[in-house]
């Protein structure tokens, strides 16, 4: 089962189309808008990219049919903030 990185418009469309297919029989599921999902993976719109990166993958079966999607976000360690106020004694 190949794990393919989402690097072009076709794979991005497959990534977006999977959840509606998976949850089509779930009456309480509400699909997020495509542009909202895309914004999560856009460094210009998602401030978490200041501290990490995201790579999307899709998983296909032997016949090439989409069977899964992985949207991990990897974060870098953040420096410990300096306290602004002295501790209360």
PDB file of N, CA and C in Angstrom:
ATOM      1  N   UNK A   1       0.843  -1.173   0.000  1.00  0.00           N
ATOM      2  CA  UNK A   1       0.000   0.000   0.000  1.00  0.00           C
ATOM      3  C   UNK A   1       0.891   1.240   0.000  1.00  0.00           C
ATOM      4  N   UNK A   2       0.973   1.915  -1.128  1.00  0.00           N
ATOM      5  CA  UNK A   2       1.831   3.088  -1.210  1.00  0.00           C
ATOM      6  C   UNK A   2       1.339   4.257  -0.358  1.00  0.00           C
ATOM      7  N   UNK A   3       2.277   4.903   0.291  1.00  0.00           N
ATOM      8  CA  UNK A   3       2.032   6.126   1.038  1.00  0.00           C
ATOM      9  C   UNK A   3       2.579   7.251   0.180  1.00  0.00           C
ATOM     10  N   UNK A   4       1.700   8.142  -0.295  1.00  0.00           N
ATOM     11  CA  UNK A   4       2.090   9.173  -1.255  1.00  0.00           C
ATOM     12  C   UNK A   4       1.979  10.552  -0.630  1.00  0.00           C
ATOM     13  N   UNK A   5       3.037  11.339  -0.748  1.00  0.00           N
ATOM     14  CA  UNK A   5       2.995  12.708  -0.233  1.00  0.00           C
ATOM     15  C   UNK A   5       2.088  13.557  -1.121  1.00  0.00           C
ATOM     16  N   UNK A   6       1.303  14.427  -0.497  1.00  0.00           N
ATOM     17  CA  UNK A   6       0.430  15.337  -1.236  1.00  0.00           C
ATOM     18  C   UNK A   6       1.294  16.506  -1.720  1.00  0.00           C
ATOM     19  N   UNK A   7       1.624  16.472  -3.015  1.00  0.00           N
ATOM     20  CA  UNK A   7       2.511  17.482  -3.587  1.00  0.00           C
ATOM     21  C   UNK A   7       1.905  18.208  -4.781  1.00  0.00           C
ATOM     22  N   UNK A   8       0.701  17.799  -5.197  1.00  0.00           N
ATOM     23  CA  UNK A   8       0.096  18.455  -6.352  1.00  0.00           C
ATOM     24  C   UNK A   8      -1.410  18.578  -6.138  1.00  0.00           C
ATOM     25  N   UNK A   9      -2.070  19.249  -7.062  1.00  0.00           N
ATOM     26  CA  UNK A   9      -3.506  19.517  -6.934  1.00  0.00           C
ATOM     27  C   UNK A   9      -4.343  18.245  -6.943  1.00  0.00           C
ATOM     28  N   UNK A  10      -3.944  17.249  -7.717  1.00  0.00           N
ATOM     29  CA  UNK A  10      -4.713  16.001  -7.788  1.00  0.00           C
ATOM     30  C   UNK A  10      -4.708  15.285  -6.435  1.00  0.00           C
ATOM     31  N   UNK A  11      -3.549  15.174  -5.820  1.00  0.00           N
ATOM     32  CA  UNK A  11      -3.483  14.507  -4.518  1.00  0.00           C
ATOM     33  C   UNK A  11      -4.146  15.346  -3.434  1.00  0.00           C
ATOM     34  N   UNK A  12      -4.063  16.671  -3.533  1.00  0.00           N
ATOM     35  CA  UNK A  12      -4.755  17.534  -2.570  1.00  0.00           C
ATOM     36  C   UNK A  12      -6.262  17.302  -2.666  1.00  0.00           C
ATOM     37  N   UNK A  13      -6.769  17.149  -3.880  1.00  0.00           N
ATOM     38  CA  UNK A  13      -8.206  16.885  -4.069  1.00  0.00           C
ATOM     39  C   UNK A  13      -8.571  15.534  -3.466  1.00  0.00           C
ATOM     40  N   UNK A  14      -7.722  14.524  -3.659  1.00  0.00           N
ATOM     41  CA  UNK A  14      -7.979  13.210  -3.071  1.00  0.00           C
ATOM     42  C   UNK A  14      -8.000  13.300  -1.542  1.00  0.00           C
ATOM     43  N   UNK A  15      -7.067  14.068  -0.986  1.00  0.00           N
ATOM     44  CA  UNK A  15      -7.001  14.256   0.454  1.00  0.00           C
ATOM     45  C   UNK A  15      -8.302  14.881   0.971  1.00  0.00           C
ATOM     46  N   UNK A  16      -8.810  15.882   0.256  1.00  0.00           N
ATOM     47  CA  UNK A  16     -10.037  16.567   0.660  1.00  0.00           C
ATOM     48  C   UNK A  16     -11.281  15.701   0.462  1.00  0.00           C
ATOM     49  N   UNK A  17     -11.276  14.840  -0.545  1.00  0.00           N
ATOM     50  CA  UNK A  17     -12.463  14.028  -0.859  1.00  0.00           C
ATOM     51  C   UNK A  17     -12.620  12.799   0.029  1.00  0.00           C
ATOM     52  N   UNK A  18     -11.575  12.403   0.736  1.00  0.00           N
ATOM     53  CA  UNK A  18     -11.664  11.180   1.540  1.00  0.00           C
ATOM     54  C   UNK A  18     -12.640  11.276   2.708  1.00  0.00           C
ATOM     55  N   UNK A  19     -12.577  12.287   3.577  1.00  0.00           N
ATOM     56  CA  UNK A  19     -13.497  12.305   4.719  1.00  0.00           C
ATOM     57  C   UNK A  19     -14.979  12.263   4.333  1.00  0.00           C
ATOM     58  N   UNK A  20     -15.426  13.030   3.323  1.00  0.00           N
ATOM     59  CA  UNK A  20     -16.840  12.904   2.952  1.00  0.00           C
ATOM     60  C   UNK A  20     -17.224  11.485   2.521  1.00  0.00           C
ATOM     61  N   UNK A  21     -16.282  10.804   1.874  1.00  0.00           N
ATOM     62  CA  UNK A  21     -16.557   9.421   1.470  1.00  0.00           C
ATOM     63  C   UNK A  21     -16.643   8.508   2.690  1.00  0.00           C
ATOM     64  N   UNK A  22     -15.715   8.698   3.635  1.00  0.00           N
ATOM     65  CA  UNK A  22     -15.704   7.851   4.827  1.00  0.00           C
ATOM     66  C   UNK A  22     -16.934   8.055   5.713  1.00  0.00           C
ATOM     67  N   UNK A  23     -17.377   9.293   5.821  1.00  0.00           N
ATOM     68  CA  UNK A  23     -18.461   9.630   6.755  1.00  0.00           C
ATOM     69  C   UNK A  23     -19.811   9.845   6.075  1.00  0.00           C
ATOM     70  N   UNK A  24     -19.963   9.423   4.839  1.00  0.00           N
ATOM     71  CA  UNK A  24     -21.197   9.689   4.100  1.00  0.00           C
ATOM     72  C   UNK A  24     -22.440   9.126   4.764  1.00  0.00           C
ATOM     73  N   UNK A  25     -22.310   8.073   5.558  1.00  0.00           N
ATOM     74  CA  UNK A  25     -23.475   7.481   6.222  1.00  0.00           C
ATOM     75  C   UNK A  25     -23.621   7.928   7.669  1.00  0.00           C
ATOM     76  N   UNK A  26     -22.804   8.869   8.096  1.00  0.00           N
ATOM     77  CA  UNK A  26     -22.873   9.390   9.463  1.00  0.00           C
ATOM     78  C   UNK A  26     -23.717  10.663   9.453  1.00  0.00           C
ATOM     79  N   UNK A  27     -24.959  10.584   9.950  1.00  0.00           N
ATOM     80  CA  UNK A  27     -25.854  11.742   9.832  1.00  0.00           C
ATOM     81  C   UNK A  27     -25.416  12.959  10.644  1.00  0.00           C
ATOM     82  N   UNK A  28     -24.602  12.784  11.662  1.00  0.00           N
ATOM     83  CA  UNK A  28     -24.205  13.912  12.502  1.00  0.00           C
ATOM     84  C   UNK A  28     -22.890  14.546  12.072  1.00  0.00           C
ATOM     85  N   UNK A  29     -22.247  14.000  11.054  1.00  0.00           N
ATOM     86  CA  UNK A  29     -20.973  14.545  10.611  1.00  0.00           C
ATOM     87  C   UNK A  29     -21.197  15.731   9.690  1.00  0.00           C
ATOM     88  N   UNK A  30     -20.491  16.810   9.957  1.00  0.00           N
ATOM     89  CA  UNK A  30     -20.552  18.006   9.121  1.00  0.00           C
ATOM     90  C   UNK A  30     -19.161  18.224   8.546  1.00  0.00           C
ATOM     91  N   UNK A  31     -19.077  18.247   7.254  1.00  0.00           N
ATOM     92  CA  UNK A  31     -17.789  18.400   6.575  1.00  0.00           C
ATOM     93  C   UNK A  31     -17.287  19.835   6.690  1.00  0.00           C
ATOM     94  N   UNK A  32     -16.008  20.014   7.082  1.00  0.00           N
ATOM     95  CA  UNK A  32     -15.444  21.366   7.021  1.00  0.00           C
ATOM     96  C   UNK A  32     -15.348  21.807   5.564  1.00  0.00           C
ATOM     97  N   UNK A  33     -15.321  23.106   5.354  1.00  0.00           N
ATOM     98  CA  UNK A  33     -15.174  23.621   3.998  1.00  0.00           C
ATOM     99  C   UNK A  33     -13.747  23.365   3.514  1.00  0.00           C
ATOM    100  N   UNK A  34     -13.618  23.076   2.221  1.00  0.00           N
ATOM    101  CA  UNK A  34     -12.303  22.755   1.655  1.00  0.00           C
ATOM    102  C   UNK A  34     -11.284  23.855   1.927  1.00  0.00           C
ATOM    103  N   UNK A  35     -11.692  25.114   1.795  1.00  0.00           N
ATOM    104  CA  UNK A  35     -10.724  26.195   2.000  1.00  0.00           C
ATOM    105  C   UNK A  35     -10.281  26.281   3.463  1.00  0.00           C
ATOM    106  N   UNK A  36     -11.121  25.844   4.389  1.00  0.00           N
ATOM    107  CA  UNK A  36     -10.717  25.810   5.795  1.00  0.00           C
ATOM    108  C   UNK A  36      -9.651  24.742   6.028  1.00  0.00           C
ATOM    109  N   UNK A  37      -9.822  23.588   5.404  1.00  0.00           N
ATOM    110  CA  UNK A  37      -8.830  22.511   5.526  1.00  0.00           C
ATOM    111  C   UNK A  37      -7.523  22.939   4.878  1.00  0.00           C
ATOM    112  N   UNK A  38      -7.597  23.522   3.695  1.00  0.00           N
ATOM    113  CA  UNK A  38      -6.396  23.967   3.002  1.00  0.00           C
ATOM    114  C   UNK A  38      -5.652  25.028   3.812  1.00  0.00           C
ATOM    115  N   UNK A  39      -6.374  25.879   4.516  1.00  0.00           N
ATOM    116  CA  UNK A  39      -5.742  26.930   5.322  1.00  0.00           C
ATOM    117  C   UNK A  39      -4.874  26.339   6.428  1.00  0.00           C
ATOM    118  N   UNK A  40      -5.243  25.170   6.940  1.00  0.00           N
ATOM    119  CA  UNK A  40      -4.441  24.520   7.977  1.00  0.00           C
ATOM    120  C   UNK A  40      -3.045  24.200   7.455  1.00  0.00           C
ATOM    121  N   UNK A  41      -2.923  23.902   6.182  1.00  0.00           N
ATOM    122  CA  UNK A  41      -1.653  23.497   5.589  1.00  0.00           C
ATOM    123  C   UNK A  41      -0.964  24.634   4.828  1.00  0.00           C
ATOM    124  N   UNK A  42      -1.458  25.850   4.989  1.00  0.00           N
ATOM    125  CA  UNK A  42      -0.881  27.010   4.322  1.00  0.00           C
ATOM    126  C   UNK A  42      -0.058  27.816   5.329  1.00  0.00           C
ATOM    127  N   UNK A  43       1.267  27.875   5.162  1.00  0.00           N
ATOM    128  CA  UNK A  43       2.110  28.606   6.113  1.00  0.00           C
ATOM    129  C   UNK A  43       1.745  30.082   6.256  1.00  0.00           C
ATOM    130  N   UNK A  44       1.131  30.678   5.238  1.00  0.00           N
ATOM    131  CA  UNK A  44       0.741  32.086   5.309  1.00  0.00           C
ATOM    132  C   UNK A  44      -0.487  32.298   6.180  1.00  0.00           C
ATOM    133  N   UNK A  45      -1.304  31.248   6.352  1.00  0.00           N
ATOM    134  CA  UNK A  45      -2.552  31.373   7.108  1.00  0.00           C
ATOM    135  C   UNK A  45      -2.518  30.682   8.462  1.00  0.00           C
ATOM    136  N   UNK A  46      -1.605  29.753   8.667  1.00  0.00           N
ATOM    137  CA  UNK A  46      -1.548  28.986   9.909  1.00  0.00           C
ATOM    138  C   UNK A  46      -0.298  29.401  10.687  1.00  0.00           C
ATOM    139  N   UNK A  47      -0.504  30.065  11.817  1.00  0.00           N
ATOM    140  CA  UNK A  47       0.625  30.558  12.616  1.00  0.00           C
ATOM    141  C   UNK A  47       1.439  29.429  13.237  1.00  0.00           C
ATOM    142  N   UNK A  48       0.931  28.218  13.282  1.00  0.00           N
ATOM    143  CA  UNK A  48       1.702  27.094  13.824  1.00  0.00           C
ATOM    144  C   UNK A  48       2.930  26.776  12.980  1.00  0.00           C
ATOM    145  N   UNK A  49       2.954  27.248  11.742  1.00  0.00           N
ATOM    146  CA  UNK A  49       4.120  27.017  10.905  1.00  0.00           C
ATOM    147  C   UNK A  49       5.329  27.816  11.383  1.00  0.00           C
ATOM    148  N   UNK A  50       5.112  28.762  12.285  1.00  0.00           N
ATOM    149  CA  UNK A  50       6.241  29.470  12.891  1.00  0.00           C
ATOM    150  C   UNK A  50       7.043  28.508  13.754  1.00  0.00           C
ATOM    151  N   UNK A  51       6.409  27.454  14.217  1.00  0.00           N
ATOM    152  CA  UNK A  51       7.022  26.513  15.151  1.00  0.00           C
ATOM    153  C   UNK A  51       7.076  25.090  14.615  1.00  0.00           C
ATOM    154  N   UNK A  52       6.784  24.880  13.355  1.00  0.00           N
ATOM    155  CA  UNK A  52       6.795  23.519  12.830  1.00  0.00           C
ATOM    156  C   UNK A  52       6.461  23.486  11.352  1.00  0.00           C
ATOM    157  N   UNK A  53       6.134  22.300  10.881  1.00  0.00           N
ATOM    158  CA  UNK A  53       5.785  22.112   9.476  1.00  0.00           C
ATOM    159  C   UNK A  53       4.769  20.990   9.372  1.00  0.00           C
ATOM    160  N   UNK A  54       4.099  20.921   8.248  1.00  0.00           N
ATOM    161  CA  UNK A  54       3.118  19.867   8.027  1.00  0.00           C
ATOM    162  C   UNK A  54       3.322  19.268   6.648  1.00  0.00           C
ATOM    163  N   UNK A  55       3.186  17.972   6.585  1.00  0.00           N
ATOM    164  CA  UNK A  55       3.232  17.252   5.313  1.00  0.00           C
ATOM    165  C   UNK A  55       2.024  16.322   5.304  1.00  0.00           C
ATOM    166  N   UNK A  56       1.266  16.368   4.228  1.00  0.00           N
ATOM    167  CA  UNK A  56       0.101  15.485   4.102  1.00  0.00           C
ATOM    168  C   UNK A  56       0.469  14.285   3.257  1.00  0.00           C
ATOM    169  N   UNK A  57      -0.110  13.153   3.613  1.00  0.00           N
ATOM    170  CA  UNK A  57       0.055  11.940   2.827  1.00  0.00           C
ATOM    171  C   UNK A  57      -1.311  11.326   2.570  1.00  0.00           C
ATOM    172  N   UNK A  58      -1.398  10.579   1.468  1.00  0.00           N
ATOM    173  CA  UNK A  58      -2.563   9.743   1.211  1.00  0.00           C
ATOM    174  C   UNK A  58      -2.068   8.308   1.073  1.00  0.00           C
ATOM    175  N   UNK A  59      -2.923   7.391   1.419  1.00  0.00           N
ATOM    176  CA  UNK A  59      -2.607   5.970   1.363  1.00  0.00           C
ATOM    177  C   UNK A  59      -3.530   5.337   0.334  1.00  0.00           C
ATOM    178  N   UNK A  60      -2.948   4.571  -0.591  1.00  0.00           N
ATOM    179  CA  UNK A  60      -3.748   3.895  -1.607  1.00  0.00           C
ATOM    180  C   UNK A  60      -3.591   2.390  -1.474  1.00  0.00           C
ATOM    181  N   UNK A  61      -4.600   1.673  -1.936  1.00  0.00           N
ATOM    182  CA  UNK A  61      -4.495   0.216  -1.927  1.00  0.00           C
ATOM    183  C   UNK A  61      -3.790  -0.251  -3.201  1.00  0.00           C
ATOM    184  N   UNK A  62      -3.695  -1.553  -3.383  1.00  0.00           N
ATOM    185  CA  UNK A  62      -2.963  -2.123  -4.518  1.00  0.00           C
ATOM    186  C   UNK A  62      -3.531  -1.684  -5.867  1.00  0.00           C
ATOM    187  N   UNK A  63      -4.841  -1.400  -5.909  1.00  0.00           N
ATOM    188  CA  UNK A  63      -5.454  -0.980  -7.172  1.00  0.00           C
ATOM    189  C   UNK A  63      -5.372   0.523  -7.387  1.00  0.00           C
ATOM    190  N   UNK A  64      -4.776   1.262  -6.436  1.00  0.00           N
ATOM    191  CA  UNK A  64      -4.655   2.704  -6.562  1.00  0.00           C
ATOM    192  C   UNK A  64      -5.801   3.478  -5.943  1.00  0.00           C
ATOM    193  N   UNK A  65      -6.757   2.763  -5.339  1.00  0.00           N
ATOM    194  CA  UNK A  65      -7.911   3.424  -4.709  1.00  0.00           C
ATOM    195  C   UNK A  65      -7.486   4.024  -3.377  1.00  0.00           C
ATOM    196  N   UNK A  66      -7.894   5.250  -3.137  1.00  0.00           N
ATOM    197  CA  UNK A  66      -7.564   5.946  -1.906  1.00  0.00           C
ATOM    198  C   UNK A  66      -8.192   5.232  -0.714  1.00  0.00           C
ATOM    199  N   UNK A  67      -7.378   4.958   0.307  1.00  0.00           N
ATOM    200  CA  UNK A  67      -7.905   4.238   1.465  1.00  0.00           C
ATOM    201  C   UNK A  67      -7.601   4.929   2.790  1.00  0.00           C
ATOM    202  N   UNK A  68      -6.812   6.005   2.773  1.00  0.00           N
ATOM    203  CA  UNK A  68      -6.525   6.704   4.012  1.00  0.00           C
ATOM    204  C   UNK A  68      -5.783   7.996   3.760  1.00  0.00           C
ATOM    205  N   UNK A  69      -5.729   8.841   4.789  1.00  0.00           N
ATOM    206  CA  UNK A  69      -5.019  10.112   4.709  1.00  0.00           C
ATOM    207  C   UNK A  69      -4.385  10.401   6.057  1.00  0.00           C
ATOM    208  N   UNK A  70      -3.191  10.976   6.013  1.00  0.00           N
ATOM    209  CA  UNK A  70      -2.465  11.315   7.237  1.00  0.00           C
ATOM    210  C   UNK A  70      -2.085  12.790   7.188  1.00  0.00           C
ATOM    211  N   UNK A  71      -2.546  13.585   8.145  1.00  0.00           N
ATOM    212  CA  UNK A  71      -2.206  15.009   8.161  1.00  0.00           C
ATOM    213  C   UNK A  71      -1.367  15.429   9.366  1.00  0.00           C
ATOM    214  N   UNK A  72      -0.159  14.872   9.553  1.00  0.00           N
ATOM    215  CA  UNK A  72       0.587  15.236  10.752  1.00  0.00           C
ATOM    216  C   UNK A  72       1.165  16.647  10.700  1.00  0.00           C
ATOM    217  N   UNK A  73       1.266  17.246  11.869  1.00  0.00           N
ATOM    218  CA  UNK A  73       1.916  18.538  12.033  1.00  0.00           C
ATOM    219  C   UNK A  73       3.076  18.319  12.974  1.00  0.00           C
ATOM    220  N   UNK A  74       4.262  18.601  12.520  1.00  0.00           N
ATOM    221  CA  UNK A  74       5.467  18.429  13.328  1.00  0.00           C
ATOM    222  C   UNK A  74       5.846  19.777  13.917  1.00  0.00           C
ATOM    223  N   UNK A  75       6.033  19.818  15.215  1.00  0.00           N
ATOM    224  CA  UNK A  75       6.398  21.079  15.850  1.00  0.00           C
ATOM    225  C   UNK A  75       7.816  21.030  16.380  1.00  0.00           C
ATOM    226  N   UNK A  76       8.447  22.171  16.365  1.00  0.00           N
ATOM    227  CA  UNK A  76       9.790  22.311  16.911  1.00  0.00           C
ATOM    228  C   UNK A  76       9.653  22.729  18.372  1.00  0.00           C
ATOM    229  N   UNK A  77      10.597  22.348  19.225  1.00  0.00           N
ATOM    230  CA  UNK A  77      10.515  22.793  20.614  1.00  0.00           C
ATOM    231  C   UNK A  77      10.551  24.315  20.697  1.00  0.00           C
ATOM    232  N   UNK A  78       9.698  24.857  21.542  1.00  0.00           N
ATOM    233  CA  UNK A  78       9.666  26.298  21.751  1.00  0.00           C
ATOM    234  C   UNK A  78      10.516  26.646  22.963  1.00  0.00           C
ATOM    235  N   UNK A  79      11.149  27.807  22.941  1.00  0.00           N
ATOM    236  CA  UNK A  79      11.920  28.198  24.121  1.00  0.00           C
ATOM    237  C   UNK A  79      10.992  28.445  25.309  1.00  0.00           C
ATOM    238  N   UNK A  80      11.492  28.167  26.480  1.00  0.00           N
ATOM    239  CA  UNK A  80      10.716  28.405  27.690  1.00  0.00           C
ATOM    240  C   UNK A  80      10.584  29.903  27.894  1.00  0.00           C
ATOM    241  N   UNK A  81       9.357  30.406  28.046  1.00  0.00           N
ATOM    242  CA  UNK A  81       9.191  31.855  28.206  1.00  0.00           C
ATOM    243  C   UNK A  81       9.740  32.319  29.559  1.00  0.00           C
ATOM    244  N   UNK A  82      10.247  33.522  29.563  1.00  0.00           N
ATOM    245  CA  UNK A  82      10.727  34.133  30.799  1.00  0.00           C
ATOM    246  C   UNK A  82       9.527  34.696  31.544  1.00  0.00           C
ATOM    247  N   UNK A  83       9.385  34.408  32.838  1.00  0.00           N
ATOM    248  CA  UNK A  83       8.248  34.956  33.586  1.00  0.00           C
ATOM    249  C   UNK A  83       8.272  36.475  33.576  1.00  0.00           C
ATOM    250  N   UNK A  84       7.121  37.074  33.446  1.00  0.00           N
ATOM    251  CA  UNK A  84       7.002  38.535  33.417  1.00  0.00           C
ATOM    252  C   UNK A  84       6.917  39.123  34.828  1.00  0.00           C
ATOM    253  N   UNK A  85       6.419  38.350  35.761  1.00  0.00           N
ATOM    254  CA  UNK A  85       6.242  38.829  37.126  1.00  0.00           C
ATOM    255  C   UNK A  85       7.048  37.934  38.070  1.00  0.00           C
ATOM    256  N   UNK A  86       7.589  38.508  39.129  1.00  0.00           N
ATOM    257  CA  UNK A  86       8.273  37.642  40.078  1.00  0.00           C
ATOM    258  C   UNK A  86       7.266  36.765  40.804  1.00  0.00           C
ATOM    259  N   UNK A  87       7.669  35.579  41.244  1.00  0.00           N
ATOM    260  CA  UNK A  87       6.738  34.702  41.957  1.00  0.00           C
ATOM    261  C   UNK A  87       6.283  35.369  43.256  1.00  0.00           C
ATOM    262  N   UNK A  88       5.037  35.081  43.590  1.00  0.00           N
ATOM    263  CA  UNK A  88       4.462  35.606  44.840  1.00  0.00           C
ATOM    264  C   UNK A  88       4.947  34.737  45.990  1.00  0.00           C
ATOM    265  N   UNK A  89       5.432  35.400  47.064  1.00  0.00           N
ATOM    266  CA  UNK A  89       5.953  34.641  48.213  1.00  0.00           C
ATOM    267  C   UNK A  89       4.859  34.266  49.170  1.00  0.00           C
TER     268      UNK A  89
END
